[in-house]
Protein backbone atom coordinates (compact mmCIF):
# COMPACT_ATOMS: atom_id res chain seq x y z
CA MET A 1 1.62 -25.16 -34.70
CA ASN A 2 4.24 -26.79 -32.99
CA PHE A 3 6.48 -23.56 -33.75
CA LEU A 4 3.63 -21.38 -32.64
CA LYS A 5 3.49 -23.61 -28.97
CA PHE A 6 7.27 -23.17 -29.12
CA LEU A 7 7.34 -19.62 -29.55
CA PHE A 8 4.69 -18.82 -26.62
CA ILE A 9 6.64 -21.06 -24.39
CA ILE A 10 9.88 -19.02 -25.19
CA PHE A 11 7.78 -15.79 -24.63
CA ILE A 12 6.29 -17.02 -21.27
CA SER A 13 9.89 -17.74 -19.97
CA LEU A 14 11.47 -14.65 -20.83
CA THR A 15 8.45 -12.36 -19.89
CA SER A 16 8.74 -14.27 -16.33
CA SER A 17 12.22 -13.84 -15.75
CA ILE A 18 12.01 -10.47 -16.54
CA LYS A 19 9.53 -9.91 -13.62
CA ALA A 20 11.23 -12.37 -11.36
CA ASP A 21 14.62 -9.71 -12.36
CA LEU A 22 12.52 -6.77 -11.60
CA ASN A 23 10.79 -8.61 -8.15
CA ASN A 24 14.85 -8.87 -7.63
CA ASP A 25 15.62 -5.66 -8.06
CA LEU A 26 12.77 -3.67 -6.25
CA ILE A 27 13.85 -6.11 -2.67
CA ASN A 28 16.93 -5.32 -3.13
CA ASN A 29 16.09 -1.50 -3.00
CA LEU A 30 14.02 -1.77 -0.42
CA ASN A 31 16.40 -3.57 1.42
CA ASP A 32 18.56 -0.21 0.97
CA GLY A 33 16.23 1.66 3.32
CA GLN A 34 14.88 5.06 3.32
CA LYS A 35 11.91 4.52 0.80
CA LEU A 36 8.30 5.29 1.50
CA ILE A 37 5.85 1.92 1.23
CA PHE A 38 2.75 3.13 0.53
CA ILE A 39 -0.18 0.14 0.72
CA ARG A 40 -3.63 0.55 -0.01
CA HIS A 41 -5.68 -0.93 2.57
CA ALA A 42 -6.78 -4.91 1.23
CA TYR A 43 -9.88 -5.84 0.06
CA ALA A 44 -13.24 -3.56 1.28
CA PRO A 45 -15.86 -4.62 -1.10
CA GLY A 46 -17.80 -1.41 -2.06
CA GLY A 47 -16.53 2.46 -3.01
CA GLY A 48 -16.42 5.56 -0.72
CA ASP A 49 -17.76 5.35 2.57
CA PRO A 50 -21.61 4.71 3.91
CA GLU A 51 -23.69 7.74 4.39
CA ASN A 52 -23.69 6.68 8.41
CA PHE A 53 -20.11 6.77 8.34
CA ASN A 54 -18.32 7.36 12.11
CA LEU A 55 -14.46 7.01 12.21
CA ASP A 56 -14.88 5.68 15.98
CA ASP A 57 -17.12 3.18 14.98
CA CYS A 58 -15.94 -0.02 12.62
CA SER A 59 -19.64 -1.04 12.03
CA THR A 60 -20.42 1.96 10.24
CA GLN A 61 -17.65 1.98 8.20
CA ARG A 62 -16.80 -0.01 5.26
CA ASN A 63 -14.81 -3.09 6.34
CA LEU A 64 -12.12 -5.95 5.12
CA SER A 65 -13.70 -8.75 3.50
CA LYS A 66 -12.60 -12.44 4.43
CA ASP A 67 -10.74 -12.06 0.72
CA GLY A 68 -9.26 -8.85 1.61
CA ILE A 69 -8.15 -10.72 5.37
CA ILE A 70 -6.29 -13.47 2.99
CA GLN A 71 -4.96 -10.35 1.22
CA ALA A 72 -3.38 -8.83 4.54
CA LYS A 73 -2.08 -11.73 5.58
CA LYS A 74 -0.39 -12.28 2.10
CA ILE A 75 1.03 -8.56 2.46
CA GLY A 76 2.26 -9.12 5.98
CA ASN A 77 4.48 -12.68 4.32
CA PHE A 78 5.50 -10.94 1.58
CA PHE A 79 7.81 -8.71 4.35
CA LYS A 80 8.78 -11.28 6.21
CA ASP A 81 9.64 -13.76 2.98
CA ASN A 82 11.53 -10.69 1.83
CA LYS A 83 12.95 -9.52 4.80
CA ILE A 84 11.61 -6.05 4.33
CA ILE A 85 13.32 -4.00 7.04
CA PHE A 86 11.34 -0.66 8.55
CA ASP A 87 10.91 1.00 11.25
CA GLU A 88 7.64 1.99 11.39
CA VAL A 89 4.21 1.49 10.10
CA LEU A 90 1.24 4.23 10.05
CA SER A 91 -1.75 3.77 8.73
CA SER A 92 -4.96 5.92 8.56
CA GLU A 93 -7.77 6.07 11.32
CA TRP A 94 -9.90 4.25 9.17
CA CYS A 95 -11.01 0.47 10.42
CA ARG A 96 -10.11 -1.11 7.06
CA CYS A 97 -6.80 0.66 7.37
CA LYS A 98 -6.11 -0.09 10.68
CA ASP A 99 -7.12 -4.12 10.26
CA THR A 100 -4.88 -4.21 7.47
CA ALA A 101 -1.62 -2.97 9.56
CA LYS A 102 -3.10 -5.45 12.24
CA ILE A 103 -3.00 -8.23 10.37
CA ALA A 104 -0.64 -7.46 7.98
CA PHE A 105 2.20 -6.63 10.70
CA GLY A 106 0.78 -6.64 14.20
CA ASN A 107 2.31 -3.49 15.71
CA PHE A 108 1.58 0.18 14.22
CA SER A 109 -0.16 3.90 14.89
CA THR A 110 -2.57 5.59 12.98
CA ASN A 111 -2.01 9.27 11.74
CA SER A 112 -5.04 11.22 10.25
CA PHE A 113 -2.49 12.52 7.32
CA LEU A 114 -2.69 9.19 5.78
CA ASN A 115 -7.18 9.17 6.11
CA SER A 116 -9.29 9.26 3.08
CA PHE A 117 -10.57 12.45 2.03
CA PHE A 118 -12.73 10.90 -0.77
CA SER A 119 -16.03 11.65 0.81
CA PRO A 120 -17.43 15.52 0.44
CA LYS A 121 -17.32 14.90 4.86
CA PHE A 122 -13.26 14.83 4.72
CA VAL A 123 -12.59 16.75 1.57
CA LYS A 124 -11.27 20.00 2.88
CA ASN A 125 -8.65 17.82 4.62
CA LYS A 126 -7.11 17.29 1.58
CA ASN A 127 -4.65 19.99 1.48
CA LYS A 128 -3.15 19.83 5.37
CA GLN A 129 -3.57 16.01 5.06
CA ILE A 130 -0.56 15.94 1.86
CA LYS A 131 1.56 19.07 3.44
CA ASP A 132 1.71 17.10 6.96
CA LEU A 133 2.63 13.82 5.18
CA LYS A 134 4.94 15.47 2.69
CA ARG A 135 6.71 17.38 6.50
CA TYR A 136 6.41 14.19 8.03
CA VAL A 137 8.89 12.43 5.99
CA GLU A 138 10.89 15.76 5.28
CA LEU A 139 11.59 15.76 8.82
CA SER A 140 12.03 11.90 9.76
CA LYS A 141 15.40 10.60 10.80
CA THR A 142 15.17 6.97 9.96
CA GLN A 143 17.57 5.48 7.11
CA ASN A 144 15.11 2.33 6.93
CA ASN A 145 11.84 2.12 5.27
CA ILE A 146 8.47 3.69 6.40
CA VAL A 147 5.12 1.32 5.71
CA LEU A 148 1.90 4.12 5.30
CA ILE A 149 -1.39 2.25 5.10
CA THR A 150 -3.81 4.65 3.59
CA HIS A 151 -6.79 4.96 0.58
CA TYR A 152 -6.74 5.13 -3.30
CA VAL A 153 -7.27 8.76 -3.15
CA LEU A 154 -3.64 9.81 -1.05
CA ILE A 155 -1.73 7.80 -3.19
CA SER A 156 -3.40 8.32 -6.34
CA GLU A 157 -2.92 12.38 -5.37
CA VAL A 158 0.74 12.00 -3.79
CA LEU A 159 1.88 9.76 -6.12
CA ASP A 160 -0.01 10.03 -9.66
CA TYR A 161 -0.99 6.83 -9.46
CA ALA A 162 -3.89 4.57 -9.04
CA PRO A 163 -3.43 1.09 -6.81
CA ALA A 164 -5.69 -1.76 -6.34
CA SER A 165 -6.51 -2.98 -3.05
CA GLY A 166 -3.72 -4.19 -1.23
CA GLU A 167 -1.30 -2.94 -3.98
CA ILE A 168 2.31 -1.94 -2.64
CA VAL A 169 3.30 1.23 -4.22
CA ILE A 170 7.35 1.74 -3.01
CA SER A 171 8.50 5.80 -3.59
CA ASP A 172 11.81 7.37 -2.28
CA LYS A 173 12.02 10.15 -0.02
CA LYS A 174 10.61 12.71 -2.83
CA PHE A 175 7.68 10.55 -3.79
CA ASN A 176 9.21 9.38 -7.20
CA ILE A 177 7.58 5.69 -7.80
CA ILE A 178 10.53 3.09 -7.99
CA GLY A 179 8.27 0.18 -8.40
CA THR A 180 5.11 -1.81 -7.30
CA VAL A 181 3.72 -4.96 -5.74
CA LYS A 182 0.43 -6.35 -6.93
CA ILE A 183 -0.73 -8.80 -3.68
CA ASN A 184 -4.14 -10.83 -4.80
CA TYR A 185 -6.12 -12.29 -2.65
């Protein structure tokens, strides 16, 4: 039995150091710049948008919970603690994304190409949004990273990846995933 415990401790130690190395490699990669840092908005309970959804009225939308607010703060701390440099923070126009951006980073601007197209009301915008996002990235002259706070559907469509709430997904400017960081609340 002691031998099994010993093996288990060694296994945990090895996997923890591998994760630390991977995380260090990812941080170093981010510090090289020119990455797209997609962030799915912090935790907002539920799915989709309510029937009475109005883009100009946060009270009609799914919003961050207390856990989501804590998660957004942790996202900001991840960037500060790791001294990750970025030139701009862009957010979807949805309140849960804007709140994530404001709590995590302070300064941000919105751009409609980051909006959700999950509901039938907005699905018609999908192709234009993706085209506009890719064009924006193509024309960007920044040598630093760009932070993009958005929704599951956009990240899933552009990167073919299913992010959790508050998850950070890093890609190059050709939309190839380099790595992910899960931020728990």
